[in-house]
C-alpha atoms as a PDB file:
ATOM      1  CA  MET A   1      24.362   1.170 -21.388  1.00  0.00           C
ATOM      2  CA  LYS A   2      22.182   4.141 -20.059  1.00  0.00           C
ATOM      3  CA  ASP A   3      21.110   2.149 -16.817  1.00  0.00           C
ATOM      4  CA  LYS A   4      23.836  -0.058 -16.474  1.00  0.00           C
ATOM      5  CA  VAL A   5      27.324  -0.535 -15.435  1.00  0.00           C
ATOM      6  CA  ILE A   6      29.430  -2.732 -17.386  1.00  0.00           C
ATOM      7  CA  ILE A   7      32.116  -4.895 -15.946  1.00  0.00           C
ATOM      8  CA  TYR A   8      34.614  -7.548 -17.829  1.00  0.00           C
ATOM      9  CA  THR A   9      37.205  -9.032 -15.646  1.00  0.00           C
ATOM     10  CA  ASP A  10      40.230 -11.342 -15.969  1.00  0.00           C
ATOM     11  CA  GLY A  11      42.965 -13.153 -14.237  1.00  0.00           C
ATOM     12  CA  SER A  12      46.122 -14.965 -15.112  1.00  0.00           C
ATOM     13  CA  SER A  13      48.666 -16.246 -14.198  1.00  0.00           C
ATOM     14  CA  ARG A  14      52.115 -18.078 -14.981  1.00  0.00           C
ATOM     15  CA  GLY A  15      52.852 -21.152 -12.925  1.00  0.00           C
ATOM     16  CA  ASN A  16      50.186 -22.037 -10.387  1.00  0.00           C
ATOM     17  CA  PRO A  17      51.215 -20.913  -8.233  1.00  0.00           C
ATOM     18  CA  GLY A  18      53.174 -18.166  -9.613  1.00  0.00           C
ATOM     19  CA  PRO A  19      53.110 -14.481 -10.577  1.00  0.00           C
ATOM     20  CA  GLY A  20      50.043 -13.385 -11.191  1.00  0.00           C
ATOM     21  CA  GLY A  21      47.685 -10.239 -12.436  1.00  0.00           C
ATOM     22  CA  TRP A  22      44.214  -9.477 -13.244  1.00  0.00           C
ATOM     23  CA  GLY A  23      42.201  -7.072 -14.953  1.00  0.00           C
ATOM     24  CA  ALA A  24      39.070  -5.405 -15.424  1.00  0.00           C
ATOM     25  CA  VAL A  25      37.179  -2.480 -16.858  1.00  0.00           C
ATOM     26  CA  CYS A  26      34.578  -0.587 -15.813  1.00  0.00           C
ATOM     27  CA  ILE A  27      31.915   0.765 -18.469  1.00  0.00           C
ATOM     28  CA  PHE A  28      29.259   3.701 -16.430  1.00  0.00           C
ATOM     29  CA  PRO A  29      26.254   4.712 -17.516  1.00  0.00           C
ATOM     30  CA  ASN A  30      28.074   8.132 -18.281  1.00  0.00           C
ATOM     31  CA  GLY A  31      29.934   6.895 -21.654  1.00  0.00           C
ATOM     32  CA  LYS A  32      33.301   6.946 -19.070  1.00  0.00           C
ATOM     33  CA  VAL A  33      35.143   4.044 -18.677  1.00  0.00           C
ATOM     34  CA  VAL A  34      37.813   2.622 -16.169  1.00  0.00           C
ATOM     35  CA  GLU A  35      40.408   0.232 -16.911  1.00  0.00           C
ATOM     36  CA  LEU A  36      41.607  -1.809 -13.387  1.00  0.00           C
ATOM     37  CA  GLY A  37      44.440  -4.087 -12.541  1.00  0.00           C
ATOM     38  CA  ASN A  38      47.387  -4.498 -10.321  1.00  0.00           C
ATOM     39  CA  ARG A  39      49.958  -8.406 -10.137  1.00  0.00           C
ATOM     40  CA  GLU A  40      51.099 -10.905  -6.977  1.00  0.00           C
ATOM     41  CA  GLU A  41      54.516 -11.769  -6.536  1.00  0.00           C
ATOM     42  CA  MET A  42      52.883 -15.868  -5.804  1.00  0.00           C
ATOM     43  CA  THR A  43      49.592 -16.484  -6.630  1.00  0.00           C
ATOM     44  CA  THR A  44      47.170 -18.750  -9.178  1.00  0.00           C
ATOM     45  CA  ASN A  45      44.445 -18.200 -11.545  1.00  0.00           C
ATOM     46  CA  ASN A  46      41.582 -18.878  -9.566  1.00  0.00           C
ATOM     47  CA  ARG A  47      42.680 -15.800  -7.331  1.00  0.00           C
ATOM     48  CA  MET A  48      43.725 -13.520  -9.841  1.00  0.00           C
ATOM     49  CA  GLU A  49      39.981 -14.371 -11.825  1.00  0.00           C
ATOM     50  CA  LEU A  50      38.816 -13.780  -8.500  1.00  0.00           C
ATOM     51  CA  SER A  51      39.989 -10.459  -7.390  1.00  0.00           C
ATOM     52  CA  GLY A  52      39.807  -9.207 -10.938  1.00  0.00           C
ATOM     53  CA  VAL A  53      36.079  -8.776  -9.602  1.00  0.00           C
ATOM     54  CA  LEU A  54      36.333  -8.157  -6.144  1.00  0.00           C
ATOM     55  CA  PHE A  55      37.904  -5.318  -7.106  1.00  0.00           C
ATOM     56  CA  SER A  56      36.075  -3.857  -9.770  1.00  0.00           C
ATOM     57  CA  LEU A  57      32.643  -4.116  -8.122  1.00  0.00           C
ATOM     58  CA  ARG A  58      34.281  -2.470  -4.835  1.00  0.00           C
ATOM     59  CA  GLU A  59      35.143   0.582  -7.391  1.00  0.00           C
ATOM     60  CA  ILE A  60      31.579   1.110  -8.110  1.00  0.00           C
ATOM     61  CA  TYR A  61      30.489   0.162  -4.632  1.00  0.00           C
ATOM     62  CA  PHE A  62      32.829   3.337  -3.323  1.00  0.00           C
ATOM     63  CA  ARG A  63      32.289   5.544  -6.572  1.00  0.00           C
ATOM     64  CA  ASP A  64      28.509   5.371  -5.814  1.00  0.00           C
ATOM     65  CA  LYS A  65      27.560   3.614  -2.501  1.00  0.00           C
ATOM     66  CA  LYS A  66      23.670   5.199  -3.286  1.00  0.00           C
ATOM     67  CA  GLY A  67      23.631   4.507  -7.018  1.00  0.00           C
ATOM     68  CA  ASP A  68      20.704   2.700  -8.260  1.00  0.00           C
ATOM     69  CA  THR A  69      21.948   0.956 -11.932  1.00  0.00           C
ATOM     70  CA  THR A  70      21.843  -2.341 -12.664  1.00  0.00           C
ATOM     71  CA  VAL A  71      25.912  -4.398 -12.882  1.00  0.00           C
ATOM     72  CA  GLU A  72      26.504  -6.935 -15.141  1.00  0.00           C
ATOM     73  CA  ILE A  73      30.254  -8.813 -14.993  1.00  0.00           C
ATOM     74  CA  PHE A  74      31.089 -10.556 -18.167  1.00  0.00           C
ATOM     75  CA  ALA A  75      33.701 -13.026 -16.723  1.00  0.00           C
ATOM     76  CA  ASP A  76      35.218 -16.142 -18.952  1.00  0.00           C
ATOM     77  CA  SER A  77      35.863 -18.366 -16.121  1.00  0.00           C
ATOM     78  CA  GLU A  78      33.572 -21.054 -14.981  1.00  0.00           C
ATOM     79  CA  TYR A  79      35.367 -21.030 -11.771  1.00  0.00           C
ATOM     80  CA  VAL A  80      34.233 -17.315 -10.903  1.00  0.00           C
ATOM     81  CA  ILE A  81      30.900 -17.639 -12.505  1.00  0.00           C
ATOM     82  CA  LYS A  82      29.489 -21.024 -10.672  1.00  0.00           C
ATOM     83  CA  GLY A  83      31.055 -19.883  -7.578  1.00  0.00           C
ATOM     84  CA  ILE A  84      29.198 -16.894  -7.022  1.00  0.00           C
ATOM     85  CA  THR A  85      25.962 -17.965  -8.080  1.00  0.00           C
ATOM     86  CA  ILE A  86      25.625 -21.503  -7.325  1.00  0.00           C
ATOM     87  CA  TRP A  87      28.373 -23.353  -4.761  1.00  0.00           C
ATOM     88  CA  ILE A  88      28.817 -19.863  -2.727  1.00  0.00           C
ATOM     89  CA  TYR A  89      25.753 -20.633  -0.835  1.00  0.00           C
ATOM     90  CA  SER A  90      26.016 -24.133   0.038  1.00  0.00           C
ATOM     91  CA  TRP A  91      29.736 -22.827   0.723  1.00  0.00           C
ATOM     92  CA  GLU A  92      28.547 -20.251   3.208  1.00  0.00           C
ATOM     93  CA  LYS A  93      25.684 -23.127   4.525  1.00  0.00           C
ATOM     94  CA  ASN A  94      28.376 -25.634   5.676  1.00  0.00           C
ATOM     95  CA  GLY A  95      30.363 -22.849   7.199  1.00  0.00           C
ATOM     96  CA  TRP A  96      32.908 -22.511   4.281  1.00  0.00           C
ATOM     97  CA  LYS A  97      33.395 -26.304   4.158  1.00  0.00           C
ATOM     98  CA  THR A  98      32.885 -28.348   0.257  1.00  0.00           C
ATOM     99  CA  LYS A  99      30.809 -31.070  -0.077  1.00  0.00           C
ATOM    100  CA  ALA A 100      33.860 -33.117   0.740  1.00  0.00           C
ATOM    101  CA  ASN A 101      34.240 -31.434   4.183  1.00  0.00           C
ATOM    102  CA  GLU A 102      37.186 -29.690   3.180  1.00  0.00           C
ATOM    103  CA  PRO A 103      37.921 -26.201   3.261  1.00  0.00           C
ATOM    104  CA  VAL A 104      36.796 -24.162   0.434  1.00  0.00           C
ATOM    105  CA  LEU A 105      39.684 -22.795  -1.223  1.00  0.00           C
ATOM    106  CA  ASN A 106      40.919 -19.312  -1.982  1.00  0.00           C
ATOM    107  CA  GLN A 107      37.619 -18.260   1.084  1.00  0.00           C
ATOM    108  CA  ASP A 108      39.234 -15.129   1.708  1.00  0.00           C
ATOM    109  CA  LEU A 109      38.673 -13.672  -1.160  1.00  0.00           C
ATOM    110  CA  TRP A 110      35.082 -15.455  -1.763  1.00  0.00           C
ATOM    111  CA  LYS A 111      33.693 -13.759   1.800  1.00  0.00           C
ATOM    112  CA  GLU A 112      35.115 -10.393   0.667  1.00  0.00           C
ATOM    113  CA  LEU A 113      33.412 -11.016  -2.216  1.00  0.00           C
ATOM    114  CA  SER A 114      30.078 -12.152  -0.448  1.00  0.00           C
ATOM    115  CA  GLN A 115      30.038  -9.037   1.653  1.00  0.00           C
ATOM    116  CA  THR A 116      30.940  -6.614  -0.859  1.00  0.00           C
ATOM    117  CA  LEU A 117      28.050  -8.446  -3.077  1.00  0.00           C
ATOM    118  CA  ARG A 118      25.291  -7.950  -0.323  1.00  0.00           C
ATOM    119  CA  LEU A 119      26.142  -4.065   0.079  1.00  0.00           C
ATOM    120  CA  LEU A 120      25.908  -3.499  -3.646  1.00  0.00           C
ATOM    121  CA  LYS A 121      22.638  -5.401  -3.542  1.00  0.00           C
ATOM    122  CA  ILE A 122      20.869  -3.454  -1.218  1.00  0.00           C
ATOM    123  CA  LEU A 123      20.485  -0.977  -3.924  1.00  0.00           C
ATOM    124  CA  ARG A 124      21.090  -3.187  -7.538  1.00  0.00           C
ATOM    125  CA  GLU A 125      20.741  -5.687  -9.167  1.00  0.00           C
ATOM    126  CA  VAL A 126      23.864  -7.450  -9.655  1.00  0.00           C
ATOM    127  CA  SER A 127      24.308 -10.117 -12.179  1.00  0.00           C
ATOM    128  CA  PHE A 128      27.134 -12.198 -13.840  1.00  0.00           C
ATOM    129  CA  LYS A 129      27.489 -13.640 -17.187  1.00  0.00           C
ATOM    130  CA  LYS A 130      29.708 -15.718 -19.092  1.00  0.00           C
ATOM    131  CA  VAL A 131      31.409 -14.971 -21.855  1.00  0.00           C
ATOM    132  CA  ALA A 132      33.280 -17.038 -24.260  1.00  0.00           C
ATOM    133  CA  GLY A 133      37.553 -16.425 -23.891  1.00  0.00           C
ATOM    134  CA  HIS A 134      39.705 -15.745 -26.655  1.00  0.00           C
ATOM    135  CA  ALA A 135      36.628 -15.037 -28.862  1.00  0.00           C
ATOM    136  CA  GLY A 136      37.157 -11.735 -30.256  1.00  0.00           C
ATOM    137  CA  VAL A 137      35.429 -10.071 -27.650  1.00  0.00           C
ATOM    138  CA  PRO A 138      36.920  -6.528 -27.607  1.00  0.00           C
ATOM    139  CA  GLU A 139      36.703  -6.257 -23.682  1.00  0.00           C
ATOM    140  CA  ASN A 140      37.256  -9.643 -22.651  1.00  0.00           C
ATOM    141  CA  GLU A 141      40.249  -9.417 -24.867  1.00  0.00           C
ATOM    142  CA  ARG A 142      41.708  -6.299 -23.123  1.00  0.00           C
ATOM    143  CA  VAL A 143      41.261  -7.450 -19.806  1.00  0.00           C
ATOM    144  CA  ASP A 144      43.324 -10.815 -20.504  1.00  0.00           C
ATOM    145  CA  THR A 145      45.582  -8.467 -21.798  1.00  0.00           C
ATOM    146  CA  ILE A 146      46.480  -6.198 -18.944  1.00  0.00           C
ATOM    147  CA  ALA A 147      45.937  -9.588 -16.720  1.00  0.00           C
ATOM    148  CA  THR A 148      48.715 -11.115 -18.768  1.00  0.00           C
ATOM    149  CA  MET A 149      50.771  -8.345 -18.795  1.00  0.00           C
ATOM    150  CA  TYR A 150      50.795  -7.612 -14.846  1.00  0.00           C
ATOM    151  CA  ALA A 151      51.472 -11.595 -14.429  1.00  0.00           C
ATOM    152  CA  GLY A 152      54.620 -11.077 -17.040  1.00  0.00           C
ATOM    153  CA  ASN A 153      55.460  -7.818 -14.460  1.00  0.00           C
ATOM    154  CA  GLU A 154      55.143  -5.727 -18.028  1.00  0.00           C
ATOM    155  CA  LYS A 155      54.268  -1.936 -17.552  1.00  0.00           C
ATOM    156  CA  VAL A 156      50.359  -0.972 -18.412  1.00  0.00           C
ATOM    157  CA  LEU A 157      49.292   2.013 -19.177  1.00  0.00           C
ATOM    158  CA  LEU A 158      45.229   2.095 -17.521  1.00  0.00           C
ATOM    159  CA  PHE A 159      42.802   4.165 -19.880  1.00  0.00           C
ATOM    160  CA  THR A 160      40.160   6.228 -18.238  1.00  0.00           C
ATOM    161  CA  GLY A 161      38.335   7.949 -20.763  1.00  0.00           C
ATOM    162  CA  ALA A 162      35.491   8.192 -22.821  1.00  0.00           C
ATOM    163  CA  PHE A 163      33.785   5.087 -24.234  1.00  0.00           C
ATOM    164  CA  ASP A 164      33.595   5.686 -27.779  1.00  0.00           C
ATOM    165  CA  ILE A 165      37.619   6.176 -27.933  1.00  0.00           C
ATOM    166  CA  TYR A 166      37.893   3.751 -25.978  1.00  0.00           C
ATOM    167  CA  LYS A 167      36.044   1.226 -28.605  1.00  0.00           C
ATOM    168  CA  LYS A 168      38.111   1.987 -31.324  1.00  0.00           C
ATOM    169  CA  MET A 169      41.122   1.618 -29.436  1.00  0.00           C
ATOM    170  CA  ILE A 170      40.172  -1.969 -28.072  1.00  0.00           C
ATOM    171  CA  GLU A 171      38.484  -3.401 -31.473  1.00  0.00           C
ATOM    172  CA  GLY A 172      41.514  -2.240 -33.147  1.00  0.00           C
ATOM    173  CA  GLU A 173      43.691  -4.202 -30.526  1.00  0.00           C
ATOM    174  CA  ALA A 174      41.244  -7.544 -30.287  1.00  0.00           C
ATOM    175  CA  LYS A 175      41.810  -7.895 -34.119  1.00  0.00           C
ATOM    176  CA  GLU A 176      45.785  -7.935 -34.125  1.00  0.00           C
ATOM    177  CA  LYS A 177      45.211  -9.746 -31.114  1.00  0.00           C
ATOM    178  CA  PRO A 178      46.330 -13.302 -32.065  1.00  0.00           C
ATOM    179  CA  LYS A 179      43.454 -15.971 -31.342  1.00  0.00           C
ATOM    180  CA  LYS A 180      44.158 -18.728 -28.960  1.00  0.00           C
ATOM    181  CA  SER A 181      42.937 -22.217 -31.010  1.00  0.00           C
ATOM    182  CA  ALA A 182      41.279 -24.730 -29.043  1.00  0.00           C
ATOM    183  CA  LYS A 183      42.541 -27.906 -28.448  1.00  0.00           C
ATOM    184  CA  SER A 184      41.993 -30.583 -30.776  1.00  0.00           C
ATOM    185  CA  SER A 185      39.850 -34.130 -29.361  1.00  0.00           C
ATOM    186  CA  SER A 186      42.823 -35.871 -30.775  1.00  0.00           C
ATOM    187  CA  GLN A 187      45.631 -34.135 -28.791  1.00  0.00           C
ATOM    188  CA  LYS A 188      47.700 -36.107 -26.910  1.00  0.00           C
ATOM    189  CA  ALA A 189      46.412 -35.841 -22.948  1.00  0.00           C
ATOM    190  CA  TYR A 190      48.087 -34.878 -19.921  1.00  0.00           C
ATOM    191  CA  SER A 191      45.485 -36.909 -17.493  1.00  0.00           C
ATOM    192  CA  TYR A 192      42.243 -37.492 -16.709  1.00  0.00           C
ATOM    193  CA  VAL A 193      40.151 -36.529 -14.180  1.00  0.00           C
ATOM    194  CA  SER A 194      37.121 -38.163 -12.608  1.00  0.00           C
ATOM    195  CA  LEU A 195      34.633 -36.235  -9.410  1.00  0.00           C
ATOM    196  CA  VAL A 196      33.387 -39.472  -7.731  1.00  0.00           C
ATOM    197  CA  ALA A 197      30.739 -38.533  -4.454  1.00  0.00           C
ATOM    198  CA  GLY A 198      32.447 -35.455  -4.210  1.00  0.00           C
ATOM    199  CA  LYS A 199      35.747 -36.985  -4.615  1.00  0.00           C
ATOM    200  CA  ALA A 200      38.442 -35.535  -7.723  1.00  0.00           C
ATOM    201  CA  THR A 201      40.803 -38.507  -8.886  1.00  0.00           C
ATOM    202  CA  VAL A 202      43.143 -38.267 -11.338  1.00  0.00           C
ATOM    203  CA  HIS A 203      44.259 -40.654 -14.181  1.00  0.00           C
ATOM    204  CA  LYS A 204      46.566 -41.154 -16.550  1.00  0.00           C
ATOM    205  CA  THR A 205      44.430 -43.195 -19.288  1.00  0.00           C
ATOM    206  CA  TRP A 206      40.982 -43.143 -20.049  1.00  0.00           C
ATOM    207  CA  ASP A 207      40.192 -46.632 -19.388  1.00  0.00           C
ATOM    208  CA  GLU A 208      40.891 -45.685 -15.497  1.00  0.00           C
ATOM    209  CA  CYS A 209      38.934 -42.792 -15.772  1.00  0.00           C
ATOM    210  CA  LYS A 210      36.195 -44.677 -17.469  1.00  0.00           C
ATOM    211  CA  LYS A 211      36.350 -47.637 -15.039  1.00  0.00           C
ATOM    212  CA  ARG A 212      35.733 -45.382 -12.037  1.00  0.00           C
ATOM    213  CA  VAL A 213      32.640 -43.433 -13.493  1.00  0.00           C
ATOM    214  CA  GLU A 214      30.950 -45.615 -15.711  1.00  0.00           C
ATOM    215  CA  GLY A 215      27.379 -46.717 -13.978  1.00  0.00           C
ATOM    216  CA  LYS A 216      27.651 -44.100 -11.268  1.00  0.00           C
ATOM    217  CA  LYS A 217      25.230 -41.325 -11.077  1.00  0.00           C
ATOM    218  CA  SER A 218      26.337 -37.048 -10.655  1.00  0.00           C
ATOM    219  CA  VAL A 219      29.831 -37.667 -12.302  1.00  0.00           C
ATOM    220  CA  ARG A 220      32.121 -35.348 -14.093  1.00  0.00           C
ATOM    221  CA  PHE A 221      35.208 -35.961 -16.145  1.00  0.00           C
ATOM    222  CA  LYS A 222      37.432 -34.272 -17.703  1.00  0.00           C
ATOM    223  CA  LYS A 223      40.545 -34.711 -20.357  1.00  0.00           C
ATOM    224  CA  VAL A 224      43.395 -32.039 -19.559  1.00  0.00           C
ATOM    225  CA  PHE A 225      45.944 -31.132 -21.271  1.00  0.00           C
ATOM    226  CA  SER A 226      48.353 -29.612 -18.610  1.00  0.00           C
ATOM    227  CA  LYS A 227      49.332 -29.824 -15.126  1.00  0.00           C
ATOM    228  CA  GLU A 228      48.222 -26.418 -14.952  1.00  0.00           C
ATOM    229  CA  GLU A 229      44.734 -27.533 -16.059  1.00  0.00           C
ATOM    230  CA  GLU A 230      44.369 -30.558 -14.013  1.00  0.00           C
ATOM    231  CA  GLU A 231      45.226 -28.289 -10.435  1.00  0.00           C
ATOM    232  CA  GLU A 232      42.838 -25.834 -11.961  1.00  0.00           C
ATOM    233  CA  LEU A 233      40.137 -28.490 -12.910  1.00  0.00           C
ATOM    234  CA  ILE A 234      40.371 -30.123  -9.489  1.00  0.00           C
ATOM    235  CA  LYS A 235      40.297 -26.579  -7.330  1.00  0.00           C
ATOM    236  CA  SER A 236      37.133 -25.748  -9.561  1.00  0.00           C
ATOM    237  CA  TRP A 237      35.645 -29.006  -8.377  1.00  0.00           C
ATOM    238  CA  SER A 238      36.409 -28.430  -4.656  1.00  0.00           C
END
């Protein structure tokens, strides 16, 4: 970490929309750790995921505008990672419209994030990496806790201090935190979602979904287990 700023971020919402929160951990080359977080009364999970990245990058920029250290951001959101590394370029080129010519969701945050990245990249390299959620990675577990507590309007004590102290604290928390089990492939589906020619469609049965995607190129489909997961998937495919 001697030449890097390491950031972990996460977002959470109770309902979609509903009360939400975001959390971030910034680890600086000098060994200092700064936790960040906040909440919104009515928001979505994707907006909170984006807010975690946006506000942590702003923190880095305002703390050291002329810095040249590499910045690495770890997030467990596919929406964030693919959005900022792949989709955003075509969105900007197309006037913030999707391939289906629909307005990009959360474009206010995407635009702010794009501008902040441009400012940071003038002097330093910024990269985004996917981390497995709820897999016992201490920093990822900690930002999940921060985001979830803010979403629940709980009192959150944010840490600022030395990394060696922080590491012991979050490793202990990660061991005690219950692991969220992966959904079984045999679990009953809430619905099936398909993406064909840029248009997402919800199906109540696998046969309906299969009929729509079979024989077609460049399609996507997925089994989901709740209304919230269904909505998030459709948004991430927009």
